């Protein structure tokens, strides 16, 4: 079953805490084992010095993984983060971030994903993450 961006956006709005929704994430694209989300620039997410906070990027990567796993499975199901590792490569200032999550392995009980977070203004990778999820249902 192929999932649409509208269906993926509904997963986003129905299954995440209010503070995650305040990141302003929206689903830009979905296909097979992949999802691309957009996090709009917000002064409210910037830290001292004006750069986007690492916590916002990590939350966006974690959220994008849920959408990508849901796309890969054909529907949302209960899951939880087991591990996330993030490497920050450059600051994002005044630009939206595109978060691309690709499911690299989908098993019956576990899912693995790689995430690239790109500064839309420069086209440069701002951060990379890898995640492991336990599939609960």
Protein backbone atom coordinates (compact mmCIF):
# COMPACT_ATOMS: atom_id res chain seq x y z
CA UNK A 1 0.00 0.00 0.00
CA UNK A 2 1.36 3.39 -0.99
CA UNK A 3 1.04 6.21 1.52
CA UNK A 4 0.41 9.81 0.43
CA UNK A 5 1.96 12.92 1.98
CA UNK A 6 -1.50 13.87 3.30
CA UNK A 7 -1.80 10.50 5.08
CA UNK A 8 1.72 10.90 6.48
CA UNK A 9 0.86 14.42 7.71
CA UNK A 10 -2.16 12.93 9.53
CA UNK A 11 0.17 10.47 11.29
CA UNK A 12 2.32 13.42 12.30
CA UNK A 13 -0.58 15.47 13.69
CA UNK A 14 -2.28 12.54 15.47
CA UNK A 15 0.64 10.80 17.18
CA UNK A 16 3.11 13.35 18.52
CA UNK A 17 3.26 15.47 21.65
CA UNK A 18 2.28 19.14 21.40
CA UNK A 19 5.90 20.26 21.86
CA UNK A 20 6.96 18.17 18.82
CA UNK A 21 4.12 19.66 16.78
CA UNK A 22 5.43 23.14 17.67
CA UNK A 23 8.51 22.34 15.56
CA UNK A 24 6.21 23.01 12.60
CA UNK A 25 7.20 19.84 10.74
CA UNK A 26 5.41 18.97 7.52
CA UNK A 27 5.76 15.99 5.22
CA UNK A 28 7.23 16.98 1.85
CA UNK A 29 7.59 13.57 0.19
CA UNK A 30 7.13 9.87 0.85
CA UNK A 31 8.11 6.81 -1.17
CA UNK A 32 8.81 3.17 -0.40
CA UNK A 33 11.14 3.29 2.66
CA UNK A 34 11.74 7.07 2.69
CA UNK A 35 10.20 10.26 4.04
CA UNK A 36 11.24 13.89 3.68
CA UNK A 37 10.02 16.39 6.24
CA UNK A 38 10.47 20.16 6.38
CA UNK A 39 11.23 22.05 9.56
CA UNK A 40 10.64 25.76 8.99
CA UNK A 41 13.11 28.24 10.39
CA UNK A 42 12.00 29.71 13.70
CA UNK A 43 13.77 32.14 16.02
CA UNK A 44 12.06 30.20 18.82
CA UNK A 45 14.17 27.14 17.97
CA UNK A 46 17.46 29.04 17.81
CA UNK A 47 20.02 29.03 20.59
CA UNK A 48 22.34 31.81 21.65
CA UNK A 49 24.21 33.01 18.58
CA UNK A 50 21.24 32.44 16.28
CA UNK A 51 21.87 28.85 15.17
CA UNK A 52 19.10 26.25 15.17
CA UNK A 53 19.34 24.16 18.34
CA UNK A 54 20.65 20.62 18.19
CA UNK A 55 17.70 19.46 20.28
CA UNK A 56 15.29 20.61 17.56
CA UNK A 57 17.29 18.78 14.90
CA UNK A 58 17.39 15.59 16.98
CA UNK A 59 13.65 15.71 17.59
CA UNK A 60 13.05 16.29 13.87
CA UNK A 61 15.23 13.28 12.97
CA UNK A 62 13.41 11.09 15.49
CA UNK A 63 10.02 12.22 14.15
CA UNK A 64 11.04 11.72 10.52
CA UNK A 65 12.04 8.16 11.39
CA UNK A 66 8.53 7.40 12.65
CA UNK A 67 7.06 8.68 9.38
CA UNK A 68 9.56 6.72 7.25
CA UNK A 69 8.93 3.51 9.19
CA UNK A 70 5.18 4.04 8.85
CA UNK A 71 5.60 4.52 5.10
CA UNK A 72 7.70 1.35 4.88
CA UNK A 73 5.08 -0.62 6.83
CA UNK A 74 2.14 0.90 4.93
CA UNK A 75 0.56 2.31 8.10
CA UNK A 76 1.39 3.74 11.50
CA UNK A 77 1.85 1.32 14.36
CA UNK A 78 3.20 1.70 17.89
CA UNK A 79 6.99 2.02 18.00
CA UNK A 80 9.64 3.48 20.24
CA UNK A 81 13.15 4.80 19.87
CA UNK A 82 15.82 2.36 21.06
CA UNK A 83 18.89 4.33 19.94
CA UNK A 84 19.68 7.59 18.17
CA UNK A 85 23.12 8.89 17.27
CA UNK A 86 23.50 12.36 15.79
CA UNK A 87 26.53 14.13 14.32
CA UNK A 88 26.33 17.88 13.76
CA UNK A 89 28.31 19.22 10.80
CA UNK A 90 27.38 22.89 10.45
CA UNK A 91 25.11 25.50 11.95
CA UNK A 92 21.75 26.36 10.39
CA UNK A 93 20.88 30.04 10.60
CA UNK A 94 17.76 31.56 9.05
CA UNK A 95 16.92 28.61 6.79
CA UNK A 96 14.43 25.75 6.69
CA UNK A 97 15.80 22.25 7.20
CA UNK A 98 14.88 19.26 5.05
CA UNK A 99 14.99 16.00 6.99
CA UNK A 100 15.30 12.85 4.86
CA UNK A 101 14.83 9.57 6.73
CA UNK A 102 15.56 6.31 4.90
CA UNK A 103 14.68 2.96 6.46
CA UNK A 104 17.71 0.75 5.83
CA UNK A 105 16.32 -2.39 7.47
CA UNK A 106 12.76 -3.24 8.40
CA UNK A 107 12.25 -6.38 10.42
CA UNK A 108 9.30 -7.78 12.36
CA UNK A 109 10.43 -6.24 15.66
CA UNK A 110 13.13 -3.68 14.77
CA UNK A 111 13.68 -0.94 12.20
CA UNK A 112 16.89 0.92 11.35
CA UNK A 113 17.14 4.28 9.58
CA UNK A 114 19.66 6.86 8.38
CA UNK A 115 18.70 10.52 8.44
CA UNK A 116 20.24 13.48 6.61
CA UNK A 117 19.31 17.01 7.70
CA UNK A 118 20.01 19.57 5.00
CA UNK A 119 20.10 23.37 5.28
CA UNK A 120 17.73 24.26 2.44
CA UNK A 121 19.36 27.65 1.89
CA UNK A 122 22.87 26.33 1.27
CA UNK A 123 22.05 22.78 0.24
CA UNK A 124 24.69 21.58 2.73
CA UNK A 125 24.22 18.74 5.21
CA UNK A 126 23.80 20.24 8.67
CA UNK A 127 23.58 16.96 10.58
CA UNK A 128 23.30 13.20 10.16
CA UNK A 129 21.63 10.70 12.43
CA UNK A 130 21.05 7.00 12.69
CA UNK A 131 18.17 5.50 14.60
CA UNK A 132 17.00 2.13 15.82
CA UNK A 133 13.34 1.56 16.64
CA UNK A 134 11.48 -1.23 18.36
CA UNK A 135 8.22 -2.06 16.59
CA UNK A 136 5.60 -2.71 19.27
CA UNK A 137 2.57 -3.67 17.24
